[in-house]
C-alpha cells in the first residue's frame, strides 16, 4: 500500500515478546500493562482476539506505550505513525492523561474509537515503516503472522495449517481497569476490517485468496 499508514502502531515490540507475559513491559508497567491510576490515564490497544481458543486476547501493542518507543528511535516518525486527535494532530503522551485526575470510562472508549477507527481499514500487506521495523523491511502481515504462530507454538498448538480468519480487535483500559472492547452503540465492537490469514511458515496471505504484496 502506498502512502502513510497509521496501522504501524499495531506492530509494537512484536519481536521478542515472551509468551509468559501479557505484554513486553509488564514488569515495568504493571499487570497486563493496564492504564495507570496515578496519574489517571487511559490506553488504546490492538490485540489478537481468541487466538488460542480460550476467549482471551493476546497483546500486539498499545498507545501511549508505542509513542515513547518511536520517540526514542526516530521522533521524525511520530506524525507518520500515529493517528490524529480531534484537532488533526498526531497524538502524543499527554493526550492519554485525564485532566483533573478524573477517571472516565466513556471518554476512554470514545477517544480510543476516534483513534482506532482511523486505522481499521489499513491493509496487512503494507510495507509502511512500523515500530520494530522502522526501515519497512517486512510487511505488517508477515510480522503479525510470525508472532501469532509463535504464540500458538508456545501454547503447544499445531500450526501446520497456518492461521485462518484471525480477528484483530481494539481494546481500551483506563485507570487500571481491565482491557475492554472499543465499541459504539451503532456499529458494535471495533475490529480491523481485514482478518489475518497466515501460511504454516508464518507468512501473511489474503484470506479471500486475492493477490497481495509478499515482501518489501
N, C-alpha and C. Protein backbone atom coordinates (compact mmCIF):
# COMPACT_ATOMS: atom_id res chain seq x y z
N UNK A 1 0.85 -1.18 0.00
CA UNK A 1 0.00 0.00 0.00
C UNK A 1 0.88 1.23 0.00
N UNK A 2 0.57 2.17 -0.86
CA UNK A 2 1.36 3.37 -0.98
C UNK A 2 0.82 4.44 -0.04
N UNK A 3 1.75 5.22 0.55
CA UNK A 3 1.33 6.33 1.39
C UNK A 3 1.32 5.97 2.85
N UNK A 4 1.10 6.97 3.72
CA UNK A 4 1.15 6.76 5.16
C UNK A 4 0.11 5.78 5.63
N UNK A 5 0.44 5.03 6.63
CA UNK A 5 -0.48 4.07 7.23
C UNK A 5 -0.33 4.07 8.72
N UNK A 6 -1.39 4.49 9.43
CA UNK A 6 -1.31 4.58 10.87
C UNK A 6 -1.38 3.22 11.54
N UNK A 7 -1.57 2.14 10.76
CA UNK A 7 -1.60 0.82 11.37
C UNK A 7 -0.24 0.43 11.92
N UNK A 8 0.77 1.22 11.63
CA UNK A 8 2.10 0.93 12.16
C UNK A 8 2.10 0.82 13.67
N UNK A 9 1.14 1.48 14.32
CA UNK A 9 1.06 1.36 15.78
C UNK A 9 0.76 -0.06 16.21
N UNK A 10 0.29 -0.88 15.31
CA UNK A 10 -0.12 -2.23 15.67
C UNK A 10 1.04 -3.18 15.86
N UNK A 11 2.23 -2.80 15.45
CA UNK A 11 3.35 -3.73 15.49
C UNK A 11 4.32 -3.41 16.61
N UNK A 12 3.82 -2.98 17.74
CA UNK A 12 4.65 -2.55 18.84
C UNK A 12 5.45 -3.70 19.44
N UNK A 13 6.76 -3.62 19.32
CA UNK A 13 7.65 -4.54 20.03
C UNK A 13 7.26 -6.01 19.86
N UNK A 14 6.81 -6.38 18.64
CA UNK A 14 6.44 -7.78 18.43
C UNK A 14 7.64 -8.70 18.61
N UNK A 15 8.77 -8.29 18.10
CA UNK A 15 9.95 -9.15 18.20
C UNK A 15 10.35 -9.35 19.65
N UNK A 16 10.50 -10.61 20.03
CA UNK A 16 10.99 -10.92 21.36
C UNK A 16 9.92 -10.91 22.44
N UNK A 17 8.66 -10.79 22.08
CA UNK A 17 7.61 -10.80 23.09
C UNK A 17 7.51 -12.18 23.73
N UNK A 18 7.72 -12.26 25.03
CA UNK A 18 7.71 -13.54 25.73
C UNK A 18 6.27 -14.00 25.94
N UNK A 19 6.00 -15.26 25.65
CA UNK A 19 4.64 -15.79 25.76
C UNK A 19 4.17 -15.84 27.20
N UNK A 20 5.09 -15.85 28.16
CA UNK A 20 4.71 -15.93 29.56
C UNK A 20 4.22 -14.60 30.11
N UNK A 21 4.44 -13.54 29.35
CA UNK A 21 4.00 -12.22 29.78
C UNK A 21 2.83 -11.76 28.93
N UNK A 22 1.96 -10.96 29.52
CA UNK A 22 0.84 -10.41 28.77
C UNK A 22 1.32 -9.38 27.76
N UNK A 23 2.34 -8.62 28.13
CA UNK A 23 2.86 -7.54 27.30
C UNK A 23 4.36 -7.40 27.56
N UNK A 24 5.11 -6.80 26.65
CA UNK A 24 6.56 -6.76 26.80
C UNK A 24 7.04 -6.01 28.04
N UNK A 25 6.31 -4.95 28.46
CA UNK A 25 6.78 -4.12 29.56
C UNK A 25 6.00 -4.38 30.85
N UNK A 26 5.47 -5.58 31.00
CA UNK A 26 4.63 -5.85 32.16
C UNK A 26 5.39 -5.70 33.47
N UNK A 27 6.66 -6.06 33.49
CA UNK A 27 7.43 -5.95 34.72
C UNK A 27 7.63 -4.49 35.13
N UNK A 28 7.59 -3.60 34.16
CA UNK A 28 7.77 -2.18 34.44
C UNK A 28 6.44 -1.45 34.60
N UNK A 29 5.47 -1.78 33.73
CA UNK A 29 4.21 -1.04 33.68
C UNK A 29 3.10 -1.64 34.52
N UNK A 30 3.34 -2.81 35.11
CA UNK A 30 2.32 -3.42 35.95
C UNK A 30 1.46 -4.44 35.22
N UNK A 31 0.56 -5.06 35.96
CA UNK A 31 -0.26 -6.16 35.47
C UNK A 31 -0.96 -5.82 34.16
N UNK A 32 -0.70 -6.62 33.13
CA UNK A 32 -1.30 -6.51 31.80
C UNK A 32 -1.04 -5.16 31.13
N UNK A 33 -0.05 -4.41 31.64
CA UNK A 33 0.25 -3.10 31.08
C UNK A 33 -1.00 -2.22 30.98
N UNK A 34 -1.85 -2.33 31.99
CA UNK A 34 -3.06 -1.53 32.01
C UNK A 34 -2.73 -0.05 32.19
N UNK A 35 -3.69 0.80 31.86
CA UNK A 35 -3.53 2.24 32.08
C UNK A 35 -3.34 2.51 33.56
N UNK A 36 -2.52 3.48 33.88
CA UNK A 36 -2.23 3.79 35.27
C UNK A 36 -3.39 4.52 35.93
N UNK A 37 -3.48 4.37 37.22
CA UNK A 37 -4.47 5.10 38.01
C UNK A 37 -3.88 6.37 38.60
N UNK A 38 -2.57 6.38 38.78
CA UNK A 38 -1.87 7.54 39.31
C UNK A 38 -0.57 7.72 38.55
N UNK A 39 -0.51 8.65 37.59
CA UNK A 39 -1.57 9.60 37.22
C UNK A 39 -2.70 8.92 36.45
N UNK A 40 -3.88 9.53 36.49
CA UNK A 40 -5.05 8.97 35.82
C UNK A 40 -4.82 8.97 34.30
N UNK A 41 -4.97 7.80 33.71
CA UNK A 41 -4.59 7.62 32.31
C UNK A 41 -5.52 6.63 31.64
N UNK A 42 -5.60 6.70 30.30
CA UNK A 42 -6.23 5.63 29.53
C UNK A 42 -5.28 5.18 28.44
N UNK A 43 -5.47 3.96 27.96
CA UNK A 43 -4.67 3.40 26.87
C UNK A 43 -5.59 2.81 25.80
N UNK A 44 -5.11 2.80 24.58
CA UNK A 44 -5.80 2.18 23.46
C UNK A 44 -4.90 1.10 22.88
N UNK A 45 -5.41 -0.12 22.74
CA UNK A 45 -4.56 -1.22 22.28
C UNK A 45 -5.18 -2.02 21.16
N UNK A 46 -4.35 -2.80 20.51
CA UNK A 46 -4.81 -3.75 19.50
C UNK A 46 -4.31 -5.14 19.90
N UNK A 47 -5.17 -6.15 19.71
CA UNK A 47 -4.92 -7.49 20.21
C UNK A 47 -5.39 -8.54 19.20
N UNK A 48 -4.77 -9.73 19.30
CA UNK A 48 -5.35 -10.91 18.65
C UNK A 48 -6.54 -11.35 19.50
N UNK A 49 -7.68 -11.54 18.87
CA UNK A 49 -8.87 -11.95 19.61
C UNK A 49 -9.04 -13.47 19.56
N UNK A 50 -9.04 -14.09 20.76
CA UNK A 50 -9.27 -15.54 20.86
C UNK A 50 -8.27 -16.35 20.03
N UNK A 51 -7.04 -15.91 19.98
CA UNK A 51 -6.03 -16.58 19.16
C UNK A 51 -5.82 -18.03 19.59
N UNK A 52 -5.84 -18.28 20.89
CA UNK A 52 -5.55 -19.62 21.41
C UNK A 52 -6.81 -20.42 21.69
N UNK A 53 -7.97 -19.88 21.33
CA UNK A 53 -9.22 -20.61 21.54
C UNK A 53 -9.70 -20.60 22.97
N UNK A 54 -9.23 -19.62 23.75
CA UNK A 54 -9.62 -19.56 25.16
C UNK A 54 -10.44 -18.31 25.49
N UNK A 55 -10.92 -17.65 24.41
CA UNK A 55 -11.71 -16.42 24.56
C UNK A 55 -10.95 -15.30 25.25
N UNK A 56 -9.63 -15.36 25.18
CA UNK A 56 -8.79 -14.30 25.74
C UNK A 56 -8.15 -13.50 24.61
N UNK A 57 -7.54 -12.39 24.97
CA UNK A 57 -6.83 -11.58 23.98
C UNK A 57 -5.32 -11.74 24.17
N UNK A 58 -4.60 -11.59 23.06
CA UNK A 58 -3.14 -11.63 23.10
C UNK A 58 -2.59 -10.31 22.55
N UNK A 59 -1.64 -9.79 23.25
CA UNK A 59 -1.10 -8.45 23.02
C UNK A 59 -0.44 -8.29 21.66
N UNK A 60 -0.76 -7.19 21.00
CA UNK A 60 0.00 -6.73 19.84
C UNK A 60 0.69 -5.41 20.18
N UNK A 61 -0.08 -4.43 20.65
CA UNK A 61 0.53 -3.17 21.02
C UNK A 61 -0.49 -2.18 21.54
N UNK A 62 -0.02 -1.05 22.07
CA UNK A 62 -0.92 -0.05 22.65
C UNK A 62 -0.29 1.33 22.62
N UNK A 63 -1.15 2.32 22.67
CA UNK A 63 -0.75 3.71 22.88
C UNK A 63 -1.19 4.10 24.28
N UNK A 64 -0.40 4.93 24.99
CA UNK A 64 0.76 5.69 24.51
C UNK A 64 2.10 4.97 24.57
N UNK A 65 2.13 3.70 24.98
CA UNK A 65 3.40 2.98 25.07
C UNK A 65 4.23 3.12 23.79
N UNK A 66 3.55 2.97 22.65
CA UNK A 66 4.24 2.98 21.37
C UNK A 66 4.85 4.33 21.05
N UNK A 67 4.22 5.40 21.54
CA UNK A 67 4.72 6.74 21.24
C UNK A 67 6.11 6.92 21.83
N UNK A 68 6.28 6.45 23.05
CA UNK A 68 7.59 6.54 23.70
C UNK A 68 8.64 5.77 22.91
N UNK A 69 8.25 4.60 22.40
CA UNK A 69 9.19 3.78 21.63
C UNK A 69 9.63 4.50 20.37
N UNK A 70 8.68 5.05 19.63
CA UNK A 70 9.00 5.74 18.38
C UNK A 70 9.79 7.02 18.65
N UNK A 71 9.40 7.74 19.69
CA UNK A 71 10.11 8.98 20.01
C UNK A 71 11.59 8.71 20.32
N UNK A 72 11.84 7.58 20.97
CA UNK A 72 13.21 7.21 21.31
C UNK A 72 14.01 6.79 20.08
N UNK A 73 13.36 6.08 19.15
CA UNK A 73 14.08 5.54 17.99
C UNK A 73 14.19 6.56 16.85
N UNK A 74 13.08 7.26 16.56
CA UNK A 74 13.10 8.24 15.48
C UNK A 74 11.91 9.17 15.63
N UNK A 75 12.07 10.28 16.35
CA UNK A 75 10.95 11.19 16.60
C UNK A 75 10.33 11.76 15.33
N UNK A 76 11.07 11.73 14.23
CA UNK A 76 10.53 12.24 12.97
C UNK A 76 9.39 11.38 12.43
N UNK A 77 9.24 10.16 12.98
CA UNK A 77 8.19 9.26 12.52
C UNK A 77 6.86 9.46 13.26
N UNK A 78 6.85 10.29 14.29
CA UNK A 78 5.64 10.45 15.10
C UNK A 78 4.43 10.80 14.24
N UNK A 79 4.56 11.80 13.38
CA UNK A 79 3.43 12.23 12.56
C UNK A 79 3.00 11.18 11.56
N UNK A 80 3.94 10.36 11.11
CA UNK A 80 3.62 9.33 10.12
C UNK A 80 2.95 8.12 10.76
N UNK A 81 3.39 7.78 11.95
CA UNK A 81 2.98 6.51 12.56
C UNK A 81 1.62 6.58 13.24
N UNK A 82 1.32 7.67 13.92
CA UNK A 82 0.18 7.67 14.84
C UNK A 82 -1.06 8.37 14.29
N UNK A 83 -2.24 7.89 14.69
CA UNK A 83 -3.50 8.54 14.27
C UNK A 83 -3.62 9.92 14.87
N UNK A 84 -4.62 10.67 14.39
CA UNK A 84 -4.75 12.08 14.75
C UNK A 84 -5.85 12.30 15.79
N UNK A 85 -5.64 13.33 16.62
CA UNK A 85 -6.63 13.69 17.63
C UNK A 85 -7.72 14.57 17.02
N UNK A 86 -8.56 15.15 17.86
CA UNK A 86 -9.69 15.94 17.38
C UNK A 86 -9.26 17.18 16.61
N UNK A 87 -8.06 17.67 16.86
CA UNK A 87 -7.55 18.84 16.16
C UNK A 87 -6.71 18.49 14.93
N UNK A 88 -6.60 17.20 14.63
CA UNK A 88 -5.85 16.77 13.46
C UNK A 88 -4.36 16.62 13.69
N UNK A 89 -3.95 16.61 14.95
CA UNK A 89 -2.54 16.43 15.28
C UNK A 89 -2.26 14.99 15.68
N UNK A 90 -1.08 14.50 15.35
CA UNK A 90 -0.70 13.16 15.79
C UNK A 90 -0.72 13.11 17.31
N UNK A 91 -1.30 12.07 17.87
CA UNK A 91 -1.43 12.00 19.32
C UNK A 91 -0.06 11.90 19.98
N UNK A 92 0.02 12.46 21.18
CA UNK A 92 1.23 12.38 21.99
C UNK A 92 0.84 11.90 23.38
N UNK A 93 1.82 11.66 24.21
CA UNK A 93 1.56 11.07 25.53
C UNK A 93 0.56 11.85 26.38
N UNK A 94 0.59 13.19 26.41
CA UNK A 94 -0.36 13.92 27.26
C UNK A 94 -1.82 13.71 26.89
N UNK A 95 -2.08 13.35 25.65
CA UNK A 95 -3.46 13.11 25.22
C UNK A 95 -4.12 12.02 26.05
N UNK A 96 -3.34 11.08 26.56
CA UNK A 96 -3.87 9.92 27.26
C UNK A 96 -3.98 10.13 28.78
N UNK A 97 -3.69 11.33 29.22
CA UNK A 97 -3.82 11.65 30.64
C UNK A 97 -5.13 12.39 30.89
N UNK A 98 -5.86 11.97 31.94
CA UNK A 98 -7.09 12.66 32.29
C UNK A 98 -6.77 13.98 32.97
N UNK A 99 -7.50 14.99 32.60
CA UNK A 99 -7.37 16.27 33.28
C UNK A 99 -8.12 16.22 34.61
N UNK A 100 -7.61 16.91 35.57
CA UNK A 100 -8.23 16.99 36.90
C UNK A 100 -8.35 15.62 37.55
N UNK A 101 -7.45 14.70 37.16
CA UNK A 101 -7.33 13.39 37.82
C UNK A 101 -8.66 12.63 37.84
N UNK A 102 -9.47 12.79 36.83
CA UNK A 102 -10.79 12.17 36.79
C UNK A 102 -10.78 10.97 35.85
N UNK A 103 -11.20 9.81 36.32
CA UNK A 103 -11.26 8.60 35.51
C UNK A 103 -12.64 8.51 34.84
N UNK A 104 -12.66 8.41 33.53
CA UNK A 104 -13.91 8.46 32.78
C UNK A 104 -13.91 7.35 31.73
N UNK A 105 -14.68 6.31 31.97
CA UNK A 105 -14.71 5.18 31.04
C UNK A 105 -15.26 5.56 29.67
N UNK A 106 -16.33 6.32 29.65
CA UNK A 106 -16.92 6.71 28.37
C UNK A 106 -15.96 7.54 27.53
N UNK A 107 -15.21 8.42 28.20
CA UNK A 107 -14.24 9.23 27.49
C UNK A 107 -13.13 8.37 26.90
N UNK A 108 -12.66 7.38 27.66
CA UNK A 108 -11.62 6.48 27.16
C UNK A 108 -12.10 5.71 25.94
N UNK A 109 -13.30 5.17 26.00
CA UNK A 109 -13.85 4.43 24.87
C UNK A 109 -14.02 5.33 23.65
N UNK A 110 -14.55 6.54 23.86
CA UNK A 110 -14.80 7.45 22.75
C UNK A 110 -13.50 7.88 22.06
N UNK A 111 -12.49 8.20 22.87
CA UNK A 111 -11.23 8.65 22.28
C UNK A 111 -10.50 7.51 21.59
N UNK A 112 -10.56 6.32 22.17
CA UNK A 112 -9.93 5.17 21.50
C UNK A 112 -10.67 4.82 20.21
N UNK A 113 -11.98 4.99 20.21
CA UNK A 113 -12.74 4.75 18.97
C UNK A 113 -12.30 5.75 17.90
N UNK A 114 -12.16 7.01 18.28
CA UNK A 114 -11.72 8.04 17.33
C UNK A 114 -10.37 7.67 16.72
N UNK A 115 -9.45 7.22 17.55
CA UNK A 115 -8.10 6.92 17.07
C UNK A 115 -8.05 5.64 16.26
N UNK A 116 -8.63 4.58 16.79
CA UNK A 116 -8.51 3.27 16.14
C UNK A 116 -9.39 3.15 14.89
N UNK A 117 -10.44 3.94 14.83
CA UNK A 117 -11.28 3.93 13.62
C UNK A 117 -10.49 4.43 12.42
N UNK A 118 -9.46 5.21 12.66
CA UNK A 118 -8.63 5.73 11.58
C UNK A 118 -7.73 4.66 10.96
N UNK A 119 -7.52 3.55 11.66
CA UNK A 119 -6.61 2.53 11.14
C UNK A 119 -7.31 1.24 10.78
N UNK A 120 -8.60 1.13 11.02
CA UNK A 120 -9.27 -0.16 10.84
C UNK A 120 -9.29 -0.63 9.38
N UNK A 121 -9.18 0.29 8.43
CA UNK A 121 -9.20 -0.09 7.01
C UNK A 121 -7.82 -0.36 6.44
N UNK A 122 -6.77 -0.19 7.23
CA UNK A 122 -5.43 -0.39 6.69
C UNK A 122 -5.15 -1.85 6.33
N UNK A 123 -4.36 -2.02 5.29
CA UNK A 123 -4.11 -3.34 4.73
C UNK A 123 -2.88 -3.99 5.35
N UNK A 124 -2.96 -5.31 5.47
CA UNK A 124 -1.89 -6.04 6.15
C UNK A 124 -0.68 -6.33 5.27
N UNK A 125 -0.77 -6.04 3.97
CA UNK A 125 0.42 -6.24 3.13
C UNK A 125 1.19 -4.93 2.94
N UNK A 126 0.93 -3.97 3.83
CA UNK A 126 1.64 -2.69 3.76
C UNK A 126 3.10 -2.84 4.17
N UNK A 127 3.96 -2.07 3.51
CA UNK A 127 5.38 -2.02 3.88
C UNK A 127 5.71 -0.72 4.60
N UNK A 128 4.68 -0.05 5.09
CA UNK A 128 4.89 1.18 5.84
C UNK A 128 5.83 0.93 7.02
N UNK A 129 6.67 1.89 7.33
CA UNK A 129 7.55 1.76 8.48
C UNK A 129 6.74 1.53 9.74
N UNK A 130 7.21 0.62 10.56
CA UNK A 130 6.48 0.26 11.77
C UNK A 130 7.43 0.17 12.95
N UNK A 131 6.88 0.17 14.14
CA UNK A 131 7.68 0.01 15.34
C UNK A 131 8.30 -1.38 15.35
N UNK A 132 9.59 -1.44 15.56
CA UNK A 132 10.31 -2.70 15.46
C UNK A 132 10.70 -3.01 14.02
N UNK A 133 10.27 -2.17 13.07
CA UNK A 133 10.60 -2.35 11.66
C UNK A 133 10.63 -0.96 11.02
N UNK A 134 11.41 -0.07 11.60
CA UNK A 134 11.41 1.32 11.16
C UNK A 134 11.96 1.51 9.76
N UNK A 135 12.64 0.50 9.23
CA UNK A 135 13.13 0.58 7.86
C UNK A 135 12.10 0.03 6.86
N UNK A 136 10.99 -0.52 7.36
CA UNK A 136 9.98 -1.08 6.47
C UNK A 136 10.48 -2.29 5.72
N UNK A 137 11.22 -3.16 6.40
CA UNK A 137 11.86 -4.30 5.74
C UNK A 137 10.93 -5.48 5.54
N UNK A 138 9.77 -5.49 6.17
CA UNK A 138 8.82 -6.59 6.02
C UNK A 138 7.41 -6.03 6.10
N UNK A 139 6.44 -6.80 5.62
CA UNK A 139 5.06 -6.33 5.69
C UNK A 139 4.51 -6.49 7.11
N UNK A 140 3.52 -5.68 7.42
CA UNK A 140 2.88 -5.76 8.72
C UNK A 140 2.29 -7.15 8.92
N UNK A 141 1.63 -7.68 7.89
CA UNK A 141 1.02 -9.00 7.99
C UNK A 141 2.02 -10.09 8.30
N UNK A 142 3.20 -10.03 7.67
CA UNK A 142 4.23 -11.03 7.96
C UNK A 142 4.67 -10.96 9.42
N UNK A 143 4.81 -9.75 9.94
CA UNK A 143 5.20 -9.60 11.34
C UNK A 143 4.13 -10.18 12.27
N UNK A 144 2.88 -9.86 11.97
CA UNK A 144 1.77 -10.34 12.81
C UNK A 144 1.62 -11.85 12.73
N UNK A 145 1.81 -12.41 11.54
CA UNK A 145 1.71 -13.87 11.39
C UNK A 145 2.82 -14.57 12.16
N UNK A 146 4.03 -14.06 12.04
CA UNK A 146 5.16 -14.66 12.75
C UNK A 146 4.89 -14.71 14.25
N UNK A 147 4.40 -13.59 14.81
CA UNK A 147 4.15 -13.55 16.25
C UNK A 147 2.97 -14.44 16.63
N UNK A 148 1.91 -14.44 15.81
CA UNK A 148 0.74 -15.25 16.12
C UNK A 148 1.09 -16.74 16.20
N UNK A 149 1.88 -17.21 15.24
CA UNK A 149 2.25 -18.63 15.25
C UNK A 149 3.20 -18.94 16.39
N UNK A 150 4.03 -17.99 16.78
CA UNK A 150 4.89 -18.21 17.93
C UNK A 150 4.07 -18.32 19.22
N UNK A 151 3.03 -17.50 19.34
CA UNK A 151 2.12 -17.62 20.48
C UNK A 151 1.49 -19.01 20.52
N UNK A 152 1.03 -19.49 19.37
CA UNK A 152 0.35 -20.79 19.32
C UNK A 152 1.32 -21.93 19.59
N UNK A 153 2.53 -21.85 19.05
CA UNK A 153 3.53 -22.88 19.32
C UNK A 153 3.87 -22.93 20.79
N UNK A 154 4.02 -21.77 21.40
CA UNK A 154 4.35 -21.71 22.83
C UNK A 154 3.24 -22.33 23.68
N UNK A 155 2.03 -22.32 23.16
CA UNK A 155 0.88 -22.91 23.85
C UNK A 155 0.72 -24.39 23.51
N UNK A 156 1.63 -24.92 22.71
CA UNK A 156 1.58 -26.34 22.35
C UNK A 156 0.59 -26.66 21.26
N UNK A 157 0.17 -25.68 20.49
CA UNK A 157 -0.83 -25.91 19.45
C UNK A 157 -0.20 -26.20 18.11
N UNK A 158 -0.91 -26.95 17.29
CA UNK A 158 -0.47 -27.32 15.95
C UNK A 158 -0.63 -26.12 15.01
N UNK A 159 0.44 -25.77 14.31
CA UNK A 159 0.38 -24.66 13.37
C UNK A 159 0.66 -25.12 11.94
N UNK A 160 0.54 -26.41 11.70
CA UNK A 160 0.88 -26.96 10.37
C UNK A 160 -0.08 -26.47 9.29
N UNK A 161 -1.25 -25.99 9.70
CA UNK A 161 -2.21 -25.47 8.73
C UNK A 161 -2.24 -23.94 8.71
N UNK A 162 -1.31 -23.33 9.42
CA UNK A 162 -1.26 -21.88 9.46
C UNK A 162 -2.36 -21.31 10.33
N UNK A 163 -2.93 -20.20 9.90
CA UNK A 163 -3.93 -19.50 10.69
C UNK A 163 -5.00 -18.96 9.75
N UNK A 164 -6.26 -19.12 10.14
CA UNK A 164 -7.37 -18.70 9.30
C UNK A 164 -8.23 -17.64 9.99
N UNK A 165 -8.51 -16.56 9.26
CA UNK A 165 -9.50 -15.56 9.67
C UNK A 165 -9.35 -15.10 11.12
N UNK A 166 -8.13 -14.78 11.50
CA UNK A 166 -7.87 -14.28 12.84
C UNK A 166 -8.32 -12.82 12.95
N UNK A 167 -9.17 -12.54 13.92
CA UNK A 167 -9.66 -11.19 14.13
C UNK A 167 -8.66 -10.40 14.97
N UNK A 168 -8.37 -9.19 14.53
CA UNK A 168 -7.55 -8.25 15.28
C UNK A 168 -8.48 -7.17 15.82
N UNK A 169 -8.48 -7.00 17.11
CA UNK A 169 -9.51 -6.18 17.75
C UNK A 169 -8.91 -5.09 18.62
N UNK A 170 -9.68 -4.04 18.84
CA UNK A 170 -9.21 -2.87 19.59
C UNK A 170 -9.85 -2.85 20.98
N UNK A 171 -9.02 -2.59 21.99
CA UNK A 171 -9.46 -2.55 23.38
C UNK A 171 -8.94 -1.28 24.04
N UNK A 172 -9.54 -0.92 25.17
CA UNK A 172 -9.04 0.20 25.96
C UNK A 172 -8.97 -0.21 27.43
N UNK A 173 -8.12 0.50 28.16
CA UNK A 173 -8.02 0.38 29.61
C UNK A 173 -7.95 1.79 30.17
N UNK A 174 -8.55 2.00 31.34
CA UNK A 174 -8.49 3.31 31.96
C UNK A 174 -8.32 3.13 33.47
N UNK A 175 -7.40 3.91 34.04
CA UNK A 175 -7.20 3.92 35.49
C UNK A 175 -7.11 2.51 36.09
N UNK A 176 -6.28 1.67 35.50
CA UNK A 176 -6.03 0.31 35.96
C UNK A 176 -7.20 -0.65 35.75
N UNK A 177 -8.13 -0.30 34.89
CA UNK A 177 -9.26 -1.19 34.61
C UNK A 177 -8.81 -2.33 33.70
N UNK A 178 -9.59 -3.39 33.65
CA UNK A 178 -9.34 -4.47 32.71
C UNK A 178 -9.47 -3.95 31.28
N UNK A 179 -8.83 -4.62 30.36
CA UNK A 179 -8.95 -4.26 28.95
C UNK A 179 -10.37 -4.58 28.47
N UNK A 180 -11.00 -3.62 27.82
CA UNK A 180 -12.40 -3.69 27.42
C UNK A 180 -12.52 -3.35 25.94
N UNK A 181 -13.40 -4.04 25.17
CA UNK A 181 -13.52 -3.75 23.74
C UNK A 181 -13.92 -2.30 23.47
N UNK A 182 -13.29 -1.71 22.47
CA UNK A 182 -13.70 -0.40 21.97
C UNK A 182 -14.94 -0.62 21.11
N UNK A 183 -15.99 0.14 21.38
CA UNK A 183 -17.23 -0.08 20.63
C UNK A 183 -18.08 1.18 20.58
N UNK A 184 -19.04 1.15 19.67
CA UNK A 184 -20.04 2.20 19.59
C UNK A 184 -21.42 1.57 19.60
N UNK A 185 -22.43 2.33 20.01
CA UNK A 185 -23.79 1.79 20.07
C UNK A 185 -24.33 1.48 18.68
N UNK A 186 -23.85 2.18 17.67
CA UNK A 186 -24.37 1.99 16.31
C UNK A 186 -23.64 0.89 15.54
N UNK A 187 -22.32 0.75 15.78
CA UNK A 187 -21.53 -0.18 14.96
C UNK A 187 -20.99 -1.37 15.72
N UNK A 188 -21.13 -1.38 17.04
CA UNK A 188 -20.66 -2.50 17.83
C UNK A 188 -19.16 -2.45 18.08
N UNK A 189 -18.57 -3.62 18.34
CA UNK A 189 -17.14 -3.71 18.66
C UNK A 189 -16.29 -3.37 17.44
N UNK A 190 -15.23 -2.61 17.68
CA UNK A 190 -14.36 -2.17 16.60
C UNK A 190 -13.23 -3.17 16.38
N UNK A 191 -13.16 -3.70 15.17
CA UNK A 191 -12.10 -4.62 14.76
C UNK A 191 -11.41 -4.09 13.52
N UNK A 192 -10.20 -4.58 13.26
CA UNK A 192 -9.57 -4.30 11.98
C UNK A 192 -10.43 -4.95 10.90
N UNK A 193 -10.67 -4.23 9.80
CA UNK A 193 -11.58 -4.73 8.77
C UNK A 193 -11.07 -5.99 8.10
N UNK A 194 -9.76 -6.09 7.90
CA UNK A 194 -9.18 -7.25 7.23
C UNK A 194 -8.74 -8.30 8.25
N UNK A 195 -9.27 -9.52 8.16
CA UNK A 195 -8.79 -10.57 9.07
C UNK A 195 -7.40 -11.02 8.68
N UNK A 196 -6.72 -11.67 9.60
CA UNK A 196 -5.36 -12.14 9.38
C UNK A 196 -5.37 -13.62 9.03
N UNK A 197 -4.78 -13.95 7.88
CA UNK A 197 -4.58 -15.34 7.50
C UNK A 197 -3.09 -15.55 7.25
N UNK A 198 -2.60 -16.72 7.66
CA UNK A 198 -1.16 -16.99 7.61
C UNK A 198 -0.89 -18.39 7.08
N UNK A 199 0.20 -18.53 6.37
CA UNK A 199 0.66 -19.84 5.94
C UNK A 199 1.37 -20.51 7.11
N UNK A 200 1.67 -21.80 6.94
CA UNK A 200 2.30 -22.55 8.02
C UNK A 200 3.70 -22.05 8.35
N UNK A 201 4.33 -21.35 7.41
CA UNK A 201 5.68 -20.83 7.67
C UNK A 201 5.64 -19.41 8.24
N UNK A 202 4.46 -18.98 8.67
CA UNK A 202 4.36 -17.69 9.35
C UNK A 202 4.34 -16.49 8.42
N UNK A 203 3.89 -16.68 7.19
CA UNK A 203 3.80 -15.58 6.23
C UNK A 203 2.34 -15.21 5.98
N UNK A 204 2.11 -13.92 5.79
CA UNK A 204 0.76 -13.43 5.55
C UNK A 204 0.26 -13.85 4.17
N UNK A 205 -1.05 -14.09 4.09
CA UNK A 205 -1.74 -14.28 2.82
C UNK A 205 -3.16 -13.73 2.98
N UNK A 206 -3.75 -13.35 1.86
CA UNK A 206 -5.11 -12.82 1.90
C UNK A 206 -6.10 -13.96 2.14
N UNK A 207 -7.02 -13.73 3.07
CA UNK A 207 -7.99 -14.77 3.42
C UNK A 207 -8.92 -15.10 2.26
N UNK A 208 -9.18 -14.13 1.38
CA UNK A 208 -10.08 -14.37 0.26
C UNK A 208 -9.36 -14.89 -0.98
N UNK A 209 -8.06 -15.13 -0.86
CA UNK A 209 -7.29 -15.69 -1.97
C UNK A 209 -6.82 -14.66 -2.98
N UNK A 210 -7.12 -13.41 -2.77
CA UNK A 210 -6.72 -12.37 -3.75
C UNK A 210 -5.22 -12.07 -3.63
N UNK A 211 -4.72 -11.38 -4.63
CA UNK A 211 -3.29 -11.11 -4.69
C UNK A 211 -2.89 -10.13 -3.58
N UNK A 212 -1.61 -10.15 -3.20
CA UNK A 212 -1.13 -9.28 -2.15
C UNK A 212 0.38 -9.13 -2.27
N UNK A 213 0.92 -8.16 -1.59
CA UNK A 213 2.36 -7.94 -1.56
C UNK A 213 2.97 -8.93 -0.57
N UNK A 214 3.93 -9.71 -1.04
CA UNK A 214 4.51 -10.76 -0.21
C UNK A 214 5.75 -10.31 0.57
N UNK A 215 6.43 -9.31 0.08
CA UNK A 215 7.63 -8.83 0.75
C UNK A 215 7.86 -7.38 0.39
N UNK A 216 8.75 -6.76 1.12
CA UNK A 216 9.05 -5.34 0.88
C UNK A 216 10.35 -5.17 0.10
